[in-house]
Each structure stands twice: as C-alpha cells, then as structure tokens.
Amino acid sequence: PTYALISDSFKNWRGMMSSGGRRIKRSISIKMDS
C-alpha cells in the first residue's frame, strides 16, 4: 500500500546505487590463543 511507505520503515538502496561503490563490511574471527 502506498500509504505504508510513509507510515512504516523501509530501506531504500538508491544512495548506494548512486554512489561510487557498494559497501563491503565483513569480518574474520581470529582464535585468541593463536
């Protein structure tokens, strides 16, 4: 429903698409005793 766009929260990826790149945000968990 069109009115759901102003009453609920949603994510628009336009900012990412119009920017110079797409974010990479990922980690590797290292074993502490190594």
Full PDB file with SEQRES, HELIX, SHEET, SSBOND, CRYST1, ORIGX, SCALE, CONECT and MASTER records, all heavy atoms in Angstrom:
SEQRES   1 A   34  PRO THR TYR ALA LEU ILE SER ASP SER PHE LYS ASN TRP          
SEQRES   2 A   34  ARG GLY MET MET SER SER GLY GLY ARG ARG ILE LYS ARG          
SEQRES   3 A   34  SER ILE SER ILE LYS MET ASP SER                              
HELIX    1 AA1 ALA A    4  SER A    7  1                                   4    
HELIX    2 AA2 ARG A   14  SER A   18  1                                   5    
CRYST1    1.000    1.000    1.000  90.00  90.00  90.00 P 1           1          
ORIGX1      1.000000  0.000000  0.000000        0.00000                         
ORIGX2      0.000000  1.000000  0.000000        0.00000                         
ORIGX3      0.000000  0.000000  1.000000        0.00000                         
SCALE1      1.000000  0.000000  0.000000        0.00000                         
SCALE2      0.000000  1.000000  0.000000        0.00000                         
SCALE3      0.000000  0.000000  1.000000        0.00000                         
ATOM      1  N   PRO A   1       0.843  -1.211   0.000  1.00  0.00           N  
ATOM      2  CA  PRO A   1       0.000   0.000   0.000  1.00  0.00           C  
ATOM      3  C   PRO A   1       0.873   1.254   0.000  1.00  0.00           C  
ATOM      4  O   PRO A   1       1.879   1.325   0.717  1.00  0.00           O  
ATOM      5  CB  PRO A   1      -0.793  -0.125   1.314  1.00  0.00           C  
ATOM      6  CG  PRO A   1      -0.727  -1.575   1.677  1.00  0.00           C  
ATOM      7  CD  PRO A   1       0.590  -2.074   1.169  1.00  0.00           C  
ATOM      8  N   THR A   2       0.507   2.225  -0.813  1.00  0.00           N  
ATOM      9  CA  THR A   2       1.322   3.433  -0.928  1.00  0.00           C  
ATOM     10  C   THR A   2       1.472   4.136   0.417  1.00  0.00           C  
ATOM     11  O   THR A   2       2.554   4.647   0.750  1.00  0.00           O  
ATOM     12  CB  THR A   2       0.704   4.398  -1.957  1.00  0.00           C  
ATOM     13  OG1 THR A   2       0.506   3.703  -3.192  1.00  0.00           O  
ATOM     14  CG2 THR A   2       1.611   5.586  -2.206  1.00  0.00           C  
ATOM     15  N   TYR A   3       0.400   4.174   1.208  1.00  0.00           N  
ATOM     16  CA  TYR A   3       0.484   4.890   2.484  1.00  0.00           C  
ATOM     17  C   TYR A   3       1.399   4.183   3.479  1.00  0.00           C  
ATOM     18  O   TYR A   3       1.816   4.787   4.473  1.00  0.00           O  
ATOM     19  CB  TYR A   3      -0.904   5.120   3.089  1.00  0.00           C  
ATOM     20  CG  TYR A   3      -1.730   3.886   3.348  1.00  0.00           C  
ATOM     21  CD1 TYR A   3      -1.523   3.102   4.476  1.00  0.00           C  
ATOM     22  CD2 TYR A   3      -2.738   3.512   2.472  1.00  0.00           C  
ATOM     23  CE1 TYR A   3      -2.283   1.973   4.708  1.00  0.00           C  
ATOM     24  CE2 TYR A   3      -3.514   2.373   2.702  1.00  0.00           C  
ATOM     25  CZ  TYR A   3      -3.274   1.611   3.828  1.00  0.00           C  
ATOM     26  OH  TYR A   3      -4.020   0.496   4.051  1.00  0.00           O  
ATOM     27  N   ALA A   4       1.741   2.886   3.228  1.00  0.00           N  
ATOM     28  CA  ALA A   4       2.669   2.181   4.115  1.00  0.00           C  
ATOM     29  C   ALA A   4       4.078   2.763   4.010  1.00  0.00           C  
ATOM     30  O   ALA A   4       4.875   2.653   4.951  1.00  0.00           O  
ATOM     31  CB  ALA A   4       2.692   0.691   3.775  1.00  0.00           C  
ATOM     32  N   LEU A   5       4.393   3.413   2.881  1.00  0.00           N  
ATOM     33  CA  LEU A   5       5.725   3.990   2.698  1.00  0.00           C  
ATOM     34  C   LEU A   5       5.966   5.165   3.630  1.00  0.00           C  
ATOM     35  O   LEU A   5       7.125   5.502   3.924  1.00  0.00           O  
ATOM     36  CB  LEU A   5       5.906   4.435   1.248  1.00  0.00           C  
ATOM     37  CG  LEU A   5       5.850   3.325   0.188  1.00  0.00           C  
ATOM     38  CD1 LEU A   5       5.987   3.915  -1.204  1.00  0.00           C  
ATOM     39  CD2 LEU A   5       6.936   2.285   0.428  1.00  0.00           C  
ATOM     40  N   ILE A   6       4.880   5.814   4.084  1.00  0.00           N  
ATOM     41  CA  ILE A   6       5.061   6.946   4.995  1.00  0.00           C  
ATOM     42  C   ILE A   6       4.693   6.596   6.433  1.00  0.00           C  
ATOM     43  O   ILE A   6       4.973   7.376   7.346  1.00  0.00           O  
ATOM     44  CB  ILE A   6       4.229   8.168   4.533  1.00  0.00           C  
ATOM     45  CG1 ILE A   6       2.742   7.829   4.528  1.00  0.00           C  
ATOM     46  CG2 ILE A   6       4.683   8.654   3.177  1.00  0.00           C  
ATOM     47  CD1 ILE A   6       1.849   9.017   4.220  1.00  0.00           C  
ATOM     48  N   SER A   7       4.083   5.439   6.631  1.00  0.00           N  
ATOM     49  CA  SER A   7       3.686   5.049   7.986  1.00  0.00           C  
ATOM     50  C   SER A   7       4.611   3.997   8.587  1.00  0.00           C  
ATOM     51  O   SER A   7       4.658   3.833   9.800  1.00  0.00           O  
ATOM     52  CB  SER A   7       2.248   4.524   7.990  1.00  0.00           C  
ATOM     53  OG  SER A   7       2.121   3.369   7.160  1.00  0.00           O  
ATOM     54  N   ASP A   8       5.357   3.261   7.747  1.00  0.00           N  
ATOM     55  CA  ASP A   8       6.273   2.231   8.220  1.00  0.00           C  
ATOM     56  C   ASP A   8       7.685   2.514   7.731  1.00  0.00           C  
ATOM     57  O   ASP A   8       7.902   3.375   6.875  1.00  0.00           O  
ATOM     58  CB  ASP A   8       5.827   0.841   7.728  1.00  0.00           C  
ATOM     59  CG  ASP A   8       4.488   0.428   8.319  1.00  0.00           C  
ATOM     60  OD1 ASP A   8       4.308   0.598   9.536  1.00  0.00           O  
ATOM     61  OD2 ASP A   8       3.614  -0.032   7.565  1.00  0.00           O  
ATOM     62  N   SER A   9       8.632   1.775   8.301  1.00  0.00           N  
ATOM     63  CA  SER A   9      10.037   1.961   7.960  1.00  0.00           C  
ATOM     64  C   SER A   9      10.464   0.967   6.886  1.00  0.00           C  
ATOM     65  O   SER A   9      10.107  -0.215   6.943  1.00  0.00           O  
ATOM     66  CB  SER A   9      10.906   1.770   9.210  1.00  0.00           C  
ATOM     67  OG  SER A   9      12.279   1.857   8.888  1.00  0.00           O  
ATOM     68  N   PHE A  10      11.206   1.446   5.894  1.00  0.00           N  
ATOM     69  CA  PHE A  10      11.746   0.586   4.851  1.00  0.00           C  
ATOM     70  C   PHE A  10      13.115   1.119   4.449  1.00  0.00           C  
ATOM     71  O   PHE A  10      13.480   2.244   4.777  1.00  0.00           O  
ATOM     72  CB  PHE A  10      10.804   0.531   3.639  1.00  0.00           C  
ATOM     73  CG  PHE A  10      10.723   1.811   2.867  1.00  0.00           C  
ATOM     74  CD1 PHE A  10      11.480   2.014   1.726  1.00  0.00           C  
ATOM     75  CD2 PHE A  10       9.868   2.836   3.287  1.00  0.00           C  
ATOM     76  CE1 PHE A  10      11.405   3.200   1.018  1.00  0.00           C  
ATOM     77  CE2 PHE A  10       9.786   4.016   2.580  1.00  0.00           C  
ATOM     78  CZ  PHE A  10      10.558   4.203   1.451  1.00  0.00           C  
ATOM     79  N   LYS A  11      13.869   0.305   3.738  1.00  0.00           N  
ATOM     80  CA  LYS A  11      15.223   0.686   3.328  1.00  0.00           C  
ATOM     81  C   LYS A  11      15.259   0.901   1.820  1.00  0.00           C  
ATOM     82  O   LYS A  11      14.820   0.049   1.053  1.00  0.00           O  
ATOM     83  CB  LYS A  11      16.229  -0.397   3.717  1.00  0.00           C  
ATOM     84  CG  LYS A  11      17.688  -0.046   3.383  1.00  0.00           C  
ATOM     85  CD  LYS A  11      18.625  -1.180   3.740  1.00  0.00           C  
ATOM     86  CE  LYS A  11      18.758  -1.336   5.237  1.00  0.00           C  
ATOM     87  NZ  LYS A  11      19.769  -2.360   5.597  1.00  0.00           N  
ATOM     88  N   ASN A  12      15.771   2.066   1.426  1.00  0.00           N  
ATOM     89  CA  ASN A  12      15.934   2.391   0.010  1.00  0.00           C  
ATOM     90  C   ASN A  12      17.435   2.402  -0.291  1.00  0.00           C  
ATOM     91  O   ASN A  12      18.195   3.156   0.328  1.00  0.00           O  
ATOM     92  CB  ASN A  12      15.315   3.753  -0.307  1.00  0.00           C  
ATOM     93  CG  ASN A  12      15.233   4.011  -1.801  1.00  0.00           C  
ATOM     94  OD1 ASN A  12      16.046   3.522  -2.572  1.00  0.00           O  
ATOM     95  ND2 ASN A  12      14.251   4.779  -2.228  1.00  0.00           N  
ATOM     96  N   TRP A  13      17.850   1.571  -1.264  1.00  0.00           N  
ATOM     97  CA  TRP A  13      19.273   1.418  -1.584  1.00  0.00           C  
ATOM     98  C   TRP A  13      19.739   2.407  -2.651  1.00  0.00           C  
ATOM     99  O   TRP A  13      20.835   2.250  -3.200  1.00  0.00           O  
ATOM    100  CB  TRP A  13      19.534  -0.003  -2.062  1.00  0.00           C  
ATOM    101  CG  TRP A  13      19.284  -1.053  -1.022  1.00  0.00           C  
ATOM    102  CD1 TRP A  13      18.085  -1.632  -0.721  1.00  0.00           C  
ATOM    103  CD2 TRP A  13      20.240  -1.650  -0.138  1.00  0.00           C  
ATOM    104  NE1 TRP A  13      18.230  -2.553   0.294  1.00  0.00           N  
ATOM    105  CE2 TRP A  13      19.543  -2.591   0.665  1.00  0.00           C  
ATOM    106  CE3 TRP A  13      21.614  -1.490   0.047  1.00  0.00           C  
ATOM    107  CZ2 TRP A  13      20.177  -3.356   1.625  1.00  0.00           C  
ATOM    108  CZ3 TRP A  13      22.233  -2.257   1.002  1.00  0.00           C  
ATOM    109  CH2 TRP A  13      21.527  -3.174   1.793  1.00  0.00           C  
ATOM    110  N   ARG A  14      18.912   3.414  -2.953  1.00  0.00           N  
ATOM    111  CA  ARG A  14      19.270   4.345  -4.023  1.00  0.00           C  
ATOM    112  C   ARG A  14      20.586   5.063  -3.756  1.00  0.00           C  
ATOM    113  O   ARG A  14      21.391   5.304  -4.656  1.00  0.00           O  
ATOM    114  CB  ARG A  14      18.165   5.375  -4.215  1.00  0.00           C  
ATOM    115  CG  ARG A  14      18.380   6.271  -5.445  1.00  0.00           C  
ATOM    116  CD  ARG A  14      17.577   7.552  -5.351  1.00  0.00           C  
ATOM    117  NE  ARG A  14      16.194   7.278  -4.989  1.00  0.00           N  
ATOM    118  CZ  ARG A  14      15.406   8.195  -4.446  1.00  0.00           C  
ATOM    119  NH1 ARG A  14      15.877   9.407  -4.181  1.00  0.00           N  
ATOM    120  NH2 ARG A  14      14.155   7.910  -4.142  1.00  0.00           N  
ATOM    121  N   GLY A  15      20.804   5.450  -2.475  1.00  0.00           N  
ATOM    122  CA  GLY A  15      22.038   6.155  -2.127  1.00  0.00           C  
ATOM    123  C   GLY A  15      23.268   5.340  -2.467  1.00  0.00           C  
ATOM    124  O   GLY A  15      24.261   5.870  -2.991  1.00  0.00           O  
ATOM    125  N   MET A  16      23.207   4.043  -2.196  1.00  0.00           N  
ATOM    126  CA  MET A  16      24.328   3.172  -2.526  1.00  0.00           C  
ATOM    127  C   MET A  16      24.497   3.055  -4.030  1.00  0.00           C  
ATOM    128  O   MET A  16      25.612   3.130  -4.560  1.00  0.00           O  
ATOM    129  CB  MET A  16      24.100   1.790  -1.904  1.00  0.00           C  
ATOM    130  CG  MET A  16      25.201   0.776  -2.185  1.00  0.00           C  
ATOM    131  SD  MET A  16      24.981  -0.143  -3.728  1.00  0.00           S  
ATOM    132  CE  MET A  16      23.509  -1.073  -3.358  1.00  0.00           C  
ATOM    133  N   MET A  17      23.367   2.897  -4.740  1.00  0.00           N  
ATOM    134  CA  MET A  17      23.430   2.721  -6.186  1.00  0.00           C  
ATOM    135  C   MET A  17      23.947   3.964  -6.897  1.00  0.00           C  
ATOM    136  O   MET A  17      24.595   3.866  -7.939  1.00  0.00           O  
ATOM    137  CB  MET A  17      22.047   2.349  -6.718  1.00  0.00           C  
ATOM    138  CG  MET A  17      21.488   1.034  -6.175  1.00  0.00           C  
ATOM    139  SD  MET A  17      22.534  -0.394  -6.525  1.00  0.00           S  
ATOM    140  CE  MET A  17      22.309  -0.538  -8.297  1.00  0.00           C  
ATOM    141  N   SER A  18      23.654   5.142  -6.341  1.00  0.00           N  
ATOM    142  CA  SER A  18      24.096   6.384  -6.983  1.00  0.00           C  
ATOM    143  C   SER A  18      25.485   6.813  -6.523  1.00  0.00           C  
ATOM    144  O   SER A  18      26.037   7.775  -7.043  1.00  0.00           O  
ATOM    145  CB  SER A  18      23.090   7.510  -6.691  1.00  0.00           C  
ATOM    146  OG  SER A  18      22.988   7.736  -5.299  1.00  0.00           O  
ATOM    147  N   SER A  19      26.050   6.113  -5.535  1.00  0.00           N  
ATOM    148  CA  SER A  19      27.389   6.447  -5.048  1.00  0.00           C  
ATOM    149  C   SER A  19      28.440   5.759  -5.916  1.00  0.00           C  
ATOM    150  O   SER A  19      28.130   5.083  -6.891  1.00  0.00           O  
ATOM    151  CB  SER A  19      27.542   6.003  -3.588  1.00  0.00           C  
ATOM    152  OG  SER A  19      27.522   4.596  -3.489  1.00  0.00           O  
ATOM    153  N   GLY A  20      29.709   5.908  -5.508  1.00  0.00           N  
ATOM    154  CA  GLY A  20      30.791   5.337  -6.306  1.00  0.00           C  
ATOM    155  C   GLY A  20      31.085   3.891  -6.013  1.00  0.00           C  
ATOM    156  O   GLY A  20      31.973   3.298  -6.641  1.00  0.00           O  
ATOM    157  N   GLY A  21      30.406   3.292  -5.042  1.00  0.00           N  
ATOM    158  CA  GLY A  21      30.708   1.902  -4.718  1.00  0.00           C  
ATOM    159  C   GLY A  21      29.672   1.293  -3.798  1.00  0.00           C  
ATOM    160  O   GLY A  21      28.814   1.992  -3.243  1.00  0.00           O  
ATOM    161  N   ARG A  22      29.792  -0.024  -3.639  1.00  0.00           N  
ATOM    162  CA  ARG A  22      28.891  -0.754  -2.746  1.00  0.00           C  
ATOM    163  C   ARG A  22      29.687  -1.267  -1.552  1.00  0.00           C  
ATOM    164  O   ARG A  22      30.750  -1.872  -1.718  1.00  0.00           O  
ATOM    165  CB  ARG A  22      28.245  -1.917  -3.502  1.00  0.00           C  
ATOM    166  CG  ARG A  22      27.202  -2.662  -2.680  1.00  0.00           C  
ATOM    167  CD  ARG A  22      26.417  -3.598  -3.560  1.00  0.00           C  
ATOM    168  NE  ARG A  22      25.397  -4.313  -2.801  1.00  0.00           N  
ATOM    169  CZ  ARG A  22      24.514  -5.152  -3.324  1.00  0.00           C  
ATOM    170  NH1 ARG A  22      24.530  -5.378  -4.622  1.00  0.00           N  
ATOM    171  NH2 ARG A  22      23.625  -5.755  -2.569  1.00  0.00           N  
ATOM    172  N   ARG A  23      29.157  -1.042  -0.373  1.00  0.00           N  
ATOM    173  CA  ARG A  23      29.929  -1.274   0.842  1.00  0.00           C  
ATOM    174  C   ARG A  23      30.178  -2.758   1.107  1.00  0.00           C  
ATOM    175  O   ARG A  23      29.285  -3.589   0.996  1.00  0.00           O  
ATOM    176  CB  ARG A  23      29.211  -0.658   2.037  1.00  0.00           C  
ATOM    177  CG  ARG A  23      30.023  -0.693   3.316  1.00  0.00           C  
ATOM    178  CD  ARG A  23      29.258  -0.129   4.471  1.00  0.00           C  
ATOM    179  NE  ARG A  23      28.160  -1.009   4.867  1.00  0.00           N  
ATOM    180  CZ  ARG A  23      27.392  -0.814   5.932  1.00  0.00           C  
ATOM    181  NH1 ARG A  23      27.586   0.248   6.690  1.00  0.00           N  
ATOM    182  NH2 ARG A  23      26.418  -1.652   6.213  1.00  0.00           N  
ATOM    183  N   ILE A  24      31.432  -3.036   1.485  1.00  0.00           N  
ATOM    184  CA  ILE A  24      31.812  -4.350   1.998  1.00  0.00           C  
ATOM    185  C   ILE A  24      32.081  -4.177   3.486  1.00  0.00           C  
ATOM    186  O   ILE A  24      32.941  -3.374   3.880  1.00  0.00           O  
ATOM    187  CB  ILE A  24      33.066  -4.894   1.286  1.00  0.00           C  
ATOM    188  CG1 ILE A  24      32.783  -5.100  -0.201  1.00  0.00           C  
ATOM    189  CG2 ILE A  24      33.545  -6.178   1.940  1.00  0.00           C  
ATOM    190  CD1 ILE A  24      34.011  -5.485  -1.005  1.00  0.00           C  
ATOM    191  N   LYS A  25      31.378  -4.890   4.312  1.00  0.00           N  
ATOM    192  CA  LYS A  25      31.543  -4.801   5.768  1.00  0.00           C  
ATOM    193  C   LYS A  25      31.393  -6.214   6.340  1.00  0.00           C  
ATOM    194  O   LYS A  25      30.312  -6.654   6.676  1.00  0.00           O  
ATOM    195  CB  LYS A  25      30.503  -3.852   6.373  1.00  0.00           C  
ATOM    196  CG  LYS A  25      30.676  -3.557   7.852  1.00  0.00           C  
ATOM    197  CD  LYS A  25      29.641  -2.510   8.304  1.00  0.00           C  
ATOM    198  CE  LYS A  25      29.805  -2.144   9.768  1.00  0.00           C  
ATOM    199  NZ  LYS A  25      29.404  -3.283  10.653  1.00  0.00           N  
ATOM    200  N   ARG A  26      32.533  -6.905   6.415  1.00  0.00           N  
ATOM    201  CA  ARG A  26      32.518  -8.287   6.871  1.00  0.00           C  
ATOM    202  C   ARG A  26      33.805  -8.552   7.661  1.00  0.00           C  
ATOM    203  O   ARG A  26      34.841  -7.946   7.400  1.00  0.00           O  
ATOM    204  CB  ARG A  26      32.405  -9.237   5.691  1.00  0.00           C  
ATOM    205  CG  ARG A  26      32.311 -10.699   6.082  1.00  0.00           C  
ATOM    206  CD  ARG A  26      32.163 -11.592   4.867  1.00  0.00           C  
ATOM    207  NE  ARG A  26      30.841 -11.460   4.250  1.00  0.00           N  
ATOM    208  CZ  ARG A  26      30.436 -12.179   3.217  1.00  0.00           C  
ATOM    209  NH1 ARG A  26      31.258 -13.070   2.675  1.00  0.00           N  
ATOM    210  NH2 ARG A  26      29.222 -12.015   2.715  1.00  0.00           N  
ATOM    211  N   SER A  27      33.731  -9.457   8.600  1.00  0.00           N  
ATOM    212  CA  SER A  27      34.881  -9.708   9.480  1.00  0.00           C  
ATOM    213  C   SER A  27      35.254 -11.181   9.518  1.00  0.00           C  
ATOM    214  O   SER A  27      34.448 -12.056   9.182  1.00  0.00           O  
ATOM    215  CB  SER A  27      34.578  -9.213  10.895  1.00  0.00           C  
ATOM    216  OG  SER A  27      33.467  -9.910  11.436  1.00  0.00           O  
ATOM    217  N   ILE A  28      36.523 -11.419   9.925  1.00  0.00           N  
ATOM    218  CA  ILE A  28      37.023 -12.764  10.202  1.00  0.00           C  
ATOM    219  C   ILE A  28      37.307 -12.840  11.694  1.00  0.00           C  
ATOM    220  O   ILE A  28      38.008 -11.979  12.235  1.00  0.00           O  
ATOM    221  CB  ILE A  28      38.319 -13.061   9.419  1.00  0.00           C  
ATOM    222  CG1 ILE A  28      38.091 -12.907   7.922  1.00  0.00           C  
ATOM    223  CG2 ILE A  28      38.842 -14.455   9.742  1.00  0.00           C  
ATOM    224  CD1 ILE A  28      39.363 -13.075   7.112  1.00  0.00           C  
ATOM    225  N   SER A  29      36.807 -13.862  12.365  1.00  0.00           N  
ATOM    226  CA  SER A  29      37.058 -14.034  13.800  1.00  0.00           C  
ATOM    227  C   SER A  29      38.306 -14.892  13.999  1.00  0.00           C  
ATOM    228  O   SER A  29      38.364 -16.043  13.546  1.00  0.00           O  
ATOM    229  CB  SER A  29      35.849 -14.683  14.480  1.00  0.00           C  
ATOM    230  OG  SER A  29      34.761 -13.795  14.487  1.00  0.00           O  
ATOM    231  N   ILE A  30      39.298 -14.309  14.657  1.00  0.00           N  
ATOM    232  CA  ILE A  30      40.580 -14.978  14.889  1.00  0.00           C  
ATOM    233  C   ILE A  30      40.570 -15.651  16.257  1.00  0.00           C  
ATOM    234  O   ILE A  30      40.136 -15.053  17.251  1.00  0.00           O  
ATOM    235  CB  ILE A  30      41.749 -13.980  14.799  1.00  0.00           C  
ATOM    236  CG1 ILE A  30      41.699 -13.211  13.468  1.00  0.00           C  
ATOM    237  CG2 ILE A  30      43.084 -14.683  14.975  1.00  0.00           C  
ATOM    238  CD1 ILE A  30      41.850 -14.075  12.250  1.00  0.00           C  
ATOM    239  N   LYS A  31      41.083 -16.863  16.293  1.00  0.00           N  
ATOM    240  CA  LYS A  31      41.197 -17.588  17.559  1.00  0.00           C  
ATOM    241  C   LYS A  31      42.220 -16.891  18.454  1.00  0.00           C  
ATOM    242  O   LYS A  31      43.354 -16.639  18.034  1.00  0.00           O  
ATOM    243  CB  LYS A  31      41.615 -19.022  17.273  1.00  0.00           C  
ATOM    244  CG  LYS A  31      41.426 -19.975  18.430  1.00  0.00           C  
ATOM    245  CD  LYS A  31      41.728 -21.391  17.986  1.00  0.00           C  
ATOM    246  CE  LYS A  31      41.517 -22.371  19.125  1.00  0.00           C  
ATOM    247  NZ  LYS A  31      41.809 -23.768  18.692  1.00  0.00           N  
ATOM    248  N   MET A  32      41.828 -16.568  19.699  1.00  0.00           N  
ATOM    249  CA  MET A  32      42.672 -15.738  20.566  1.00  0.00           C  
ATOM    250  C   MET A  32      44.009 -16.388  20.899  1.00  0.00           C  
ATOM    251  O   MET A  32      45.053 -15.711  20.913  1.00  0.00           O  
ATOM    252  CB  MET A  32      41.917 -15.418  21.863  1.00  0.00           C  
ATOM    253  CG  MET A  32      40.798 -14.411  21.697  1.00  0.00           C  
ATOM    254  SD  MET A  32      40.138 -13.899  23.280  1.00  0.00           S  
ATOM    255  CE  MET A  32      38.754 -12.913  22.762  1.00  0.00           C  
ATOM    256  N   ASP A  33      44.010 -17.691  21.187  1.00  0.00           N  
ATOM    257  CA  ASP A  33      45.262 -18.309  21.620  1.00  0.00           C  
ATOM    258  C   ASP A  33      46.233 -18.562  20.469  1.00  0.00           C  
ATOM    259  O   ASP A  33      47.311 -19.125  20.672  1.00  0.00           O  
ATOM    260  CB  ASP A  33      45.001 -19.611  22.391  1.00  0.00           C  
ATOM    261  CG  ASP A  33      44.211 -20.616  21.574  1.00  0.00           C  
ATOM    262  OD1 ASP A  33      44.051 -20.388  20.362  1.00  0.00           O  
ATOM    263  OD2 ASP A  33      43.732 -21.610  22.151  1.00  0.00           O  
ATOM    264  N   SER A  34      45.858 -18.132  19.253  1.00  0.00           N  
ATOM    265  CA  SER A  34      46.808 -18.215  18.141  1.00  0.00           C  
ATOM    266  C   SER A  34      47.578 -16.911  17.957  1.00  0.00           C  
ATOM    267  O   SER A  34      48.469 -16.835  17.102  1.00  0.00           O  
ATOM    268  CB  SER A  34      46.076 -18.577  16.844  1.00  0.00           C  
ATOM    269  OG  SER A  34      45.233 -17.520  16.415  1.00  0.00           O  
TER     270      SER A  34                                                      
MASTER        0    0    0    2    0    0    0    6  269    1    0    3          
END                                                                             
